[in-house]
């Protein structure tokens, strides 16, 4: 099931999109649902301030297993121009995927992949996003599959807390450094060849009212003014981590 799906969908722009009250209709033999699925040639597509609400139900009875991916985008990385914004200031929180199935359950917030080498793709980004309060058997904030020496900027995010037997901040089969990101309350901050770079922390982000879906930061949060120095907040102050920080917070 896809809310929106595109094949060979170059240079698409999603800005200020609210996704809520999702009703899943499982298809026989398909247990994974990508809500925004820009597969294969999704080059240049941008997702800015896209928010996934917590009201998700299943129509026609609970499936034995259920996997949900929020945003999946990928393709020929050589077609992603330098400086393009990939996934910015997006939010997914307060989701209980475990209760939607009778067996295994999984949730991946962002799936980013590319193939074919690139010389001009630097600047593709997964920055200033918040993924928190997710419950499933397996939870991953970001999975990445990168070809060759493709450069992906992952910084200024807040990933966690997650509840599940297996929960991961960032997973990548190729070398990938994560910077200025708070990965908190997960069983594995990184898996595969992903690892921590500069400015990372593992502290309670101190959200305003996470139970009510308010993931703004309280005064005194360790995520305030500790984001990527290259991504100041919209008012010119030092950048915050999470979906309400950085130049695209809006």
C-alpha atoms as a PDB file:
ATOM      1  CA  UNK A   1       0.000   0.000   0.000  1.00  0.00           C
ATOM      2  CA  UNK A   2       1.302   3.436  -0.941  1.00  0.00           C
ATOM      3  CA  UNK A   3      -0.327   6.780  -0.225  1.00  0.00           C
ATOM      4  CA  UNK A   4       1.786   8.150  -3.047  1.00  0.00           C
ATOM      5  CA  UNK A   5       3.999   6.143  -5.371  1.00  0.00           C
ATOM      6  CA  UNK A   6       6.136   7.178  -8.301  1.00  0.00           C
ATOM      7  CA  UNK A   7       8.483   5.416 -10.693  1.00  0.00           C
ATOM      8  CA  UNK A   8      10.871   7.602 -12.692  1.00  0.00           C
ATOM      9  CA  UNK A   9       9.677  10.581 -10.645  1.00  0.00           C
ATOM     10  CA  UNK A  10      12.401  13.195 -10.962  1.00  0.00           C
ATOM     11  CA  UNK A  11      12.521  16.499  -9.074  1.00  0.00           C
ATOM     12  CA  UNK A  12       9.326  16.247  -7.040  1.00  0.00           C
ATOM     13  CA  UNK A  13       8.691  18.621  -4.143  1.00  0.00           C
ATOM     14  CA  UNK A  14       6.611  17.907  -1.033  1.00  0.00           C
ATOM     15  CA  UNK A  15       6.330  20.846   1.381  1.00  0.00           C
ATOM     16  CA  UNK A  16       4.129  21.197   4.483  1.00  0.00           C
ATOM     17  CA  UNK A  17       2.295  17.892   4.091  1.00  0.00           C
ATOM     18  CA  UNK A  18       0.328  16.408   7.025  1.00  0.00           C
ATOM     19  CA  UNK A  19      -0.389  12.664   6.865  1.00  0.00           C
ATOM     20  CA  UNK A  20      -2.895  11.427   9.416  1.00  0.00           C
ATOM     21  CA  UNK A  21      -5.837   9.065   9.779  1.00  0.00           C
ATOM     22  CA  UNK A  22      -4.209   6.422   7.567  1.00  0.00           C
ATOM     23  CA  UNK A  23      -6.242   3.282   6.889  1.00  0.00           C
ATOM     24  CA  UNK A  24      -4.111   0.359   5.682  1.00  0.00           C
ATOM     25  CA  UNK A  25      -5.631  -2.343   3.498  1.00  0.00           C
ATOM     26  CA  UNK A  26      -3.047  -5.149   3.429  1.00  0.00           C
ATOM     27  CA  UNK A  27      -2.583  -6.880   0.089  1.00  0.00           C
ATOM     28  CA  UNK A  28      -2.040 -10.640  -0.012  1.00  0.00           C
ATOM     29  CA  UNK A  29       1.671 -11.358  -0.095  1.00  0.00           C
ATOM     30  CA  UNK A  30       2.644  -7.742   0.610  1.00  0.00           C
ATOM     31  CA  UNK A  31       3.300  -7.031   4.255  1.00  0.00           C
ATOM     32  CA  UNK A  32       5.372  -3.873   3.765  1.00  0.00           C
ATOM     33  CA  UNK A  33       3.731  -0.524   3.170  1.00  0.00           C
ATOM     34  CA  UNK A  34       5.745   2.514   2.020  1.00  0.00           C
ATOM     35  CA  UNK A  35       3.555   5.564   2.533  1.00  0.00           C
ATOM     36  CA  UNK A  36       5.558   7.887   0.268  1.00  0.00           C
ATOM     37  CA  UNK A  37       7.367   5.614  -2.165  1.00  0.00           C
ATOM     38  CA  UNK A  38       9.557   7.430  -4.678  1.00  0.00           C
ATOM     39  CA  UNK A  39      11.339   4.373  -5.949  1.00  0.00           C
ATOM     40  CA  UNK A  40      13.939   3.805  -8.629  1.00  0.00           C
ATOM     41  CA  UNK A  41      14.446   7.120 -10.425  1.00  0.00           C
ATOM     42  CA  UNK A  42      13.279   9.372  -7.601  1.00  0.00           C
ATOM     43  CA  UNK A  43      16.283  11.594  -8.158  1.00  0.00           C
ATOM     44  CA  UNK A  44      16.097  15.167  -6.960  1.00  0.00           C
ATOM     45  CA  UNK A  45      12.899  14.677  -4.978  1.00  0.00           C
ATOM     46  CA  UNK A  46      12.600  16.757  -1.833  1.00  0.00           C
ATOM     47  CA  UNK A  47      10.495  16.233   1.289  1.00  0.00           C
ATOM     48  CA  UNK A  48      10.326  19.307   3.529  1.00  0.00           C
ATOM     49  CA  UNK A  49       8.189  19.570   6.683  1.00  0.00           C
ATOM     50  CA  UNK A  50       6.242  16.368   6.002  1.00  0.00           C
ATOM     51  CA  UNK A  51       4.616  15.058   9.192  1.00  0.00           C
ATOM     52  CA  UNK A  52       3.188  11.609   9.890  1.00  0.00           C
ATOM     53  CA  UNK A  53       0.464  11.560  12.530  1.00  0.00           C
ATOM     54  CA  UNK A  54      -0.263   8.719  14.913  1.00  0.00           C
ATOM     55  CA  UNK A  55      -3.694   7.624  13.711  1.00  0.00           C
ATOM     56  CA  UNK A  56      -3.099   4.469  11.666  1.00  0.00           C
ATOM     57  CA  UNK A  57      -5.636   1.646  11.472  1.00  0.00           C
ATOM     58  CA  UNK A  58      -5.889  -1.615   9.525  1.00  0.00           C
ATOM     59  CA  UNK A  59      -8.955  -2.505   7.512  1.00  0.00           C
ATOM     60  CA  UNK A  60     -10.248  -6.070   7.323  1.00  0.00           C
ATOM     61  CA  UNK A  61      -8.493  -7.621  10.293  1.00  0.00           C
ATOM     62  CA  UNK A  62      -4.927  -7.607  11.554  1.00  0.00           C
ATOM     63  CA  UNK A  63      -2.258  -9.167   9.311  1.00  0.00           C
ATOM     64  CA  UNK A  64       0.232 -11.683  10.635  1.00  0.00           C
ATOM     65  CA  UNK A  65       3.099  -9.284   9.986  1.00  0.00           C
ATOM     66  CA  UNK A  66       3.199  -5.632   9.082  1.00  0.00           C
ATOM     67  CA  UNK A  67       5.993  -3.307   8.024  1.00  0.00           C
ATOM     68  CA  UNK A  68       5.613   0.424   7.425  1.00  0.00           C
ATOM     69  CA  UNK A  69       8.086   2.822   5.819  1.00  0.00           C
ATOM     70  CA  UNK A  70       7.325   6.537   6.000  1.00  0.00           C
ATOM     71  CA  UNK A  71       9.455   7.925   3.126  1.00  0.00           C
ATOM     72  CA  UNK A  72      11.380   5.804   0.617  1.00  0.00           C
ATOM     73  CA  UNK A  73      13.354   7.514  -2.129  1.00  0.00           C
ATOM     74  CA  UNK A  74      16.181   6.446  -4.380  1.00  0.00           C
ATOM     75  CA  UNK A  75      17.555   5.887  -7.839  1.00  0.00           C
ATOM     76  CA  UNK A  76      20.464   6.963  -9.994  1.00  0.00           C
ATOM     77  CA  UNK A  77      22.443   9.142  -7.634  1.00  0.00           C
ATOM     78  CA  UNK A  78      24.246  10.739 -10.587  1.00  0.00           C
ATOM     79  CA  UNK A  79      21.009  12.586 -11.319  1.00  0.00           C
ATOM     80  CA  UNK A  80      20.835  14.243  -7.899  1.00  0.00           C
ATOM     81  CA  UNK A  81      22.306  17.726  -8.357  1.00  0.00           C
ATOM     82  CA  UNK A  82      24.702  19.215  -5.856  1.00  0.00           C
ATOM     83  CA  UNK A  83      22.933  20.911  -2.984  1.00  0.00           C
ATOM     84  CA  UNK A  84      19.552  19.260  -3.402  1.00  0.00           C
ATOM     85  CA  UNK A  85      17.612  18.872  -0.162  1.00  0.00           C
ATOM     86  CA  UNK A  86      16.517  15.313   0.383  1.00  0.00           C
ATOM     87  CA  UNK A  87      14.500  14.890   3.604  1.00  0.00           C
ATOM     88  CA  UNK A  88      14.338  17.937   5.882  1.00  0.00           C
ATOM     89  CA  UNK A  89      12.319  18.864   8.953  1.00  0.00           C
ATOM     90  CA  UNK A  90      10.067  15.818   8.723  1.00  0.00           C
ATOM     91  CA  UNK A  91       8.406  14.261  11.765  1.00  0.00           C
ATOM     92  CA  UNK A  92       7.127  10.804  12.671  1.00  0.00           C
ATOM     93  CA  UNK A  93       6.088  10.130  16.241  1.00  0.00           C
ATOM     94  CA  UNK A  94       3.727   8.440  18.685  1.00  0.00           C
ATOM     95  CA  UNK A  95       3.193   5.414  16.440  1.00  0.00           C
ATOM     96  CA  UNK A  96       2.283   1.967  17.796  1.00  0.00           C
ATOM     97  CA  UNK A  97       2.865  -0.379  14.875  1.00  0.00           C
ATOM     98  CA  UNK A  98       3.012  -3.457  17.108  1.00  0.00           C
ATOM     99  CA  UNK A  99      -0.705  -3.294  17.857  1.00  0.00           C
ATOM    100  CA  UNK A 100      -1.561  -3.310  14.143  1.00  0.00           C
ATOM    101  CA  UNK A 101      -0.437  -6.902  13.532  1.00  0.00           C
ATOM    102  CA  UNK A 102      -0.742 -10.271  15.215  1.00  0.00           C
ATOM    103  CA  UNK A 103       2.876 -11.217  14.475  1.00  0.00           C
ATOM    104  CA  UNK A 104       6.057  -9.367  13.586  1.00  0.00           C
ATOM    105  CA  UNK A 105       5.976  -5.618  13.047  1.00  0.00           C
ATOM    106  CA  UNK A 106       8.505  -3.112  11.784  1.00  0.00           C
ATOM    107  CA  UNK A 107       8.778   0.605  11.133  1.00  0.00           C
ATOM    108  CA  UNK A 108      11.373   2.485   9.077  1.00  0.00           C
ATOM    109  CA  UNK A 109      11.046   6.245   8.969  1.00  0.00           C
ATOM    110  CA  UNK A 110      13.359   6.962   6.034  1.00  0.00           C
ATOM    111  CA  UNK A 111      14.790   4.646   3.378  1.00  0.00           C
ATOM    112  CA  UNK A 112      17.397   6.281   1.144  1.00  0.00           C
ATOM    113  CA  UNK A 113      19.214   4.400  -1.574  1.00  0.00           C
ATOM    114  CA  UNK A 114      21.141   5.004  -4.747  1.00  0.00           C
ATOM    115  CA  UNK A 115      23.153   3.151  -7.312  1.00  0.00           C
ATOM    116  CA  UNK A 116      25.539   4.177 -10.085  1.00  0.00           C
ATOM    117  CA  UNK A 117      28.526   6.387  -9.228  1.00  0.00           C
ATOM    118  CA  UNK A 118      28.186  10.128  -8.956  1.00  0.00           C
ATOM    119  CA  UNK A 119      30.529  13.079  -9.136  1.00  0.00           C
ATOM    120  CA  UNK A 120      28.014  15.841  -8.462  1.00  0.00           C
ATOM    121  CA  UNK A 121      25.665  14.487  -5.818  1.00  0.00           C
ATOM    122  CA  UNK A 122      27.241  16.040  -2.725  1.00  0.00           C
ATOM    123  CA  UNK A 123      24.735  17.871  -0.591  1.00  0.00           C
ATOM    124  CA  UNK A 124      21.939  15.305  -0.648  1.00  0.00           C
ATOM    125  CA  UNK A 125      20.668  15.456   2.907  1.00  0.00           C
ATOM    126  CA  UNK A 126      18.677  13.836   5.684  1.00  0.00           C
ATOM    127  CA  UNK A 127      18.767  16.691   8.183  1.00  0.00           C
ATOM    128  CA  UNK A 128      16.692  18.272  10.955  1.00  0.00           C
ATOM    129  CA  UNK A 129      14.203  15.443  11.269  1.00  0.00           C
ATOM    130  CA  UNK A 130      12.513  14.019  14.372  1.00  0.00           C
ATOM    131  CA  UNK A 131      11.548  10.350  14.702  1.00  0.00           C
ATOM    132  CA  UNK A 132      10.444   9.518  18.236  1.00  0.00           C
ATOM    133  CA  UNK A 133       8.082   7.458  20.400  1.00  0.00           C
ATOM    134  CA  UNK A 134       7.738   4.554  17.956  1.00  0.00           C
ATOM    135  CA  UNK A 135       6.687   1.088  19.091  1.00  0.00           C
ATOM    136  CA  UNK A 136       7.259  -1.966  16.885  1.00  0.00           C
ATOM    137  CA  UNK A 137       9.153  -5.230  16.977  1.00  0.00           C
ATOM    138  CA  UNK A 138      11.835  -3.573  14.842  1.00  0.00           C
ATOM    139  CA  UNK A 139      12.313   0.191  14.476  1.00  0.00           C
ATOM    140  CA  UNK A 140      14.888   2.025  12.335  1.00  0.00           C
ATOM    141  CA  UNK A 141      15.005   5.776  11.836  1.00  0.00           C
ATOM    142  CA  UNK A 142      17.134   5.685   8.654  1.00  0.00           C
ATOM    143  CA  UNK A 143      18.270   2.898   6.373  1.00  0.00           C
ATOM    144  CA  UNK A 144      20.650   3.820   3.575  1.00  0.00           C
ATOM    145  CA  UNK A 145      22.041   1.849   0.671  1.00  0.00           C
ATOM    146  CA  UNK A 146      24.713   3.884  -1.058  1.00  0.00           C
ATOM    147  CA  UNK A 147      26.669   3.131  -4.203  1.00  0.00           C
ATOM    148  CA  UNK A 148      30.368   3.766  -4.483  1.00  0.00           C
ATOM    149  CA  UNK A 149      31.472   6.926  -2.659  1.00  0.00           C
ATOM    150  CA  UNK A 150      28.100   8.649  -2.727  1.00  0.00           C
ATOM    151  CA  UNK A 151      27.944  11.446  -0.168  1.00  0.00           C
ATOM    152  CA  UNK A 152      24.889  11.648   2.090  1.00  0.00           C
ATOM    153  CA  UNK A 153      24.704  14.357   4.745  1.00  0.00           C
ATOM    154  CA  UNK A 154      22.952  12.983   7.843  1.00  0.00           C
ATOM    155  CA  UNK A 155      22.964  15.606  10.585  1.00  0.00           C
ATOM    156  CA  UNK A 156      20.928  17.627  13.095  1.00  0.00           C
ATOM    157  CA  UNK A 157      18.343  14.879  13.593  1.00  0.00           C
ATOM    158  CA  UNK A 158      16.656  13.473  16.701  1.00  0.00           C
ATOM    159  CA  UNK A 159      16.134   9.711  16.525  1.00  0.00           C
ATOM    160  CA  UNK A 160      14.444   8.046  19.508  1.00  0.00           C
ATOM    161  CA  UNK A 161      13.243   6.944  21.899  1.00  0.00           C
ATOM    162  CA  UNK A 162      11.941   3.721  20.323  1.00  0.00           C
ATOM    163  CA  UNK A 163      10.259   0.751  21.973  1.00  0.00           C
ATOM    164  CA  UNK A 164      10.899  -2.679  20.524  1.00  0.00           C
ATOM    165  CA  UNK A 165      13.135  -5.717  20.691  1.00  0.00           C
ATOM    166  CA  UNK A 166      15.347  -4.269  17.954  1.00  0.00           C
ATOM    167  CA  UNK A 167      15.699  -0.548  17.407  1.00  0.00           C
ATOM    168  CA  UNK A 168      18.345   1.280  15.430  1.00  0.00           C
ATOM    169  CA  UNK A 169      19.138   4.902  14.720  1.00  0.00           C
ATOM    170  CA  UNK A 170      20.965   4.598  11.384  1.00  0.00           C
ATOM    171  CA  UNK A 171      21.754   1.495   9.333  1.00  0.00           C
ATOM    172  CA  UNK A 172      23.944   1.487   6.233  1.00  0.00           C
ATOM    173  CA  UNK A 173      25.843  -1.199   4.351  1.00  0.00           C
ATOM    174  CA  UNK A 174      28.407   1.341   3.124  1.00  0.00           C
ATOM    175  CA  UNK A 175      30.547   3.727   5.201  1.00  0.00           C
ATOM    176  CA  UNK A 176      28.347   6.572   6.483  1.00  0.00           C
ATOM    177  CA  UNK A 177      29.081   9.057   9.253  1.00  0.00           C
ATOM    178  CA  UNK A 178      26.252  10.687  11.166  1.00  0.00           C
ATOM    179  CA  UNK A 179      26.885  14.144  12.626  1.00  0.00           C
ATOM    180  CA  UNK A 180      25.283  16.441  15.221  1.00  0.00           C
ATOM    181  CA  UNK A 181      22.446  14.027  15.897  1.00  0.00           C
ATOM    182  CA  UNK A 182      20.777  12.881  19.109  1.00  0.00           C
ATOM    183  CA  UNK A 183      20.194   9.102  19.037  1.00  0.00           C
ATOM    184  CA  UNK A 184      18.531   8.272  22.320  1.00  0.00           C
ATOM    185  CA  UNK A 185      16.642   5.310  23.757  1.00  0.00           C
ATOM    186  CA  UNK A 186      17.498   2.734  21.076  1.00  0.00           C
ATOM    187  CA  UNK A 187      19.131  -0.687  21.323  1.00  0.00           C
ATOM    188  CA  UNK A 188      21.719   0.154  18.610  1.00  0.00           C
ATOM    189  CA  UNK A 189      22.626   3.708  17.602  1.00  0.00           C
ATOM    190  CA  UNK A 190      24.259   2.434  14.390  1.00  0.00           C
ATOM    191  CA  UNK A 191      24.397  -0.805  12.438  1.00  0.00           C
ATOM    192  CA  UNK A 192      26.310  -2.040   9.411  1.00  0.00           C
ATOM    193  CA  UNK A 193      28.955   0.460   8.390  1.00  0.00           C
ATOM    194  CA  UNK A 194      27.183   3.524   9.795  1.00  0.00           C
ATOM    195  CA  UNK A 195      28.911   5.315  12.633  1.00  0.00           C
ATOM    196  CA  UNK A 196      29.102   8.481  14.660  1.00  0.00           C
ATOM    197  CA  UNK A 197      30.973  11.561  13.502  1.00  0.00           C
ATOM    198  CA  UNK A 198      31.172  15.034  15.024  1.00  0.00           C
ATOM    199  CA  UNK A 199      28.768  16.462  17.576  1.00  0.00           C
ATOM    200  CA  UNK A 200      26.571  13.443  18.306  1.00  0.00           C
ATOM    201  CA  UNK A 201      24.858  12.976  21.674  1.00  0.00           C
ATOM    202  CA  UNK A 202      22.650  10.399  23.371  1.00  0.00           C
ATOM    203  CA  UNK A 203      20.429  12.379  25.745  1.00  0.00           C
ATOM    204  CA  UNK A 204      16.735  12.858  26.443  1.00  0.00           C
ATOM    205  CA  UNK A 205      15.764  15.549  23.903  1.00  0.00           C
ATOM    206  CA  UNK A 206      13.159  16.976  26.327  1.00  0.00           C
ATOM    207  CA  UNK A 207      10.186  17.378  24.001  1.00  0.00           C
ATOM    208  CA  UNK A 208       7.438  19.800  25.015  1.00  0.00           C
ATOM    209  CA  UNK A 209       4.558  17.291  25.078  1.00  0.00           C
ATOM    210  CA  UNK A 210       5.462  14.123  23.150  1.00  0.00           C
ATOM    211  CA  UNK A 211       2.358  12.291  24.346  1.00  0.00           C
ATOM    212  CA  UNK A 212       0.276  14.923  22.566  1.00  0.00           C
ATOM    213  CA  UNK A 213       2.477  14.907  19.475  1.00  0.00           C
ATOM    214  CA  UNK A 214       4.317  18.132  20.323  1.00  0.00           C
ATOM    215  CA  UNK A 215       7.975  17.517  19.511  1.00  0.00           C
ATOM    216  CA  UNK A 216       9.144  21.089  20.001  1.00  0.00           C
ATOM    217  CA  UNK A 217      12.025  21.307  22.458  1.00  0.00           C
ATOM    218  CA  UNK A 218      11.703  22.526  26.022  1.00  0.00           C
ATOM    219  CA  UNK A 219      14.049  25.242  27.283  1.00  0.00           C
ATOM    220  CA  UNK A 220      17.220  23.571  28.466  1.00  0.00           C
ATOM    221  CA  UNK A 221      17.015  20.729  25.948  1.00  0.00           C
ATOM    222  CA  UNK A 222      20.468  19.375  25.033  1.00  0.00           C
ATOM    223  CA  UNK A 223      19.361  19.566  21.386  1.00  0.00           C
ATOM    224  CA  UNK A 224      19.099  23.377  21.396  1.00  0.00           C
ATOM    225  CA  UNK A 225      22.002  25.160  19.657  1.00  0.00           C
ATOM    226  CA  UNK A 226      23.870  21.870  19.201  1.00  0.00           C
ATOM    227  CA  UNK A 227      22.932  21.048  15.599  1.00  0.00           C
ATOM    228  CA  UNK A 228      25.210  21.268  12.583  1.00  0.00           C
ATOM    229  CA  UNK A 229      26.964  24.682  12.661  1.00  0.00           C
ATOM    230  CA  UNK A 230      26.491  24.853   8.883  1.00  0.00           C
ATOM    231  CA  UNK A 231      22.700  24.738   9.385  1.00  0.00           C
ATOM    232  CA  UNK A 232      21.718  27.712  11.577  1.00  0.00           C
ATOM    233  CA  UNK A 233      18.111  28.188  12.625  1.00  0.00           C
ATOM    234  CA  UNK A 234      15.840  30.283  10.475  1.00  0.00           C
ATOM    235  CA  UNK A 235      16.389  33.331  12.738  1.00  0.00           C
ATOM    236  CA  UNK A 236      20.156  33.067  12.267  1.00  0.00           C
ATOM    237  CA  UNK A 237      20.872  31.629  15.720  1.00  0.00           C
ATOM    238  CA  UNK A 238      22.865  28.455  16.247  1.00  0.00           C
ATOM    239  CA  UNK A 239      21.038  25.478  14.797  1.00  0.00           C
ATOM    240  CA  UNK A 240      18.897  23.141  16.879  1.00  0.00           C
ATOM    241  CA  UNK A 241      18.609  19.424  16.317  1.00  0.00           C
ATOM    242  CA  UNK A 242      15.268  18.031  15.235  1.00  0.00           C
ATOM    243  CA  UNK A 243      12.366  18.993  13.014  1.00  0.00           C
ATOM    244  CA  UNK A 244      11.963  22.483  14.454  1.00  0.00           C
ATOM    245  CA  UNK A 245      15.553  23.555  13.915  1.00  0.00           C
ATOM    246  CA  UNK A 246      17.607  24.580  10.919  1.00  0.00           C
ATOM    247  CA  UNK A 247      16.974  26.966   8.036  1.00  0.00           C
ATOM    248  CA  UNK A 248      13.926  25.074   6.717  1.00  0.00           C
ATOM    249  CA  UNK A 249      12.006  24.847  10.017  1.00  0.00           C
ATOM    250  CA  UNK A 250       9.444  27.339   8.740  1.00  0.00           C
END
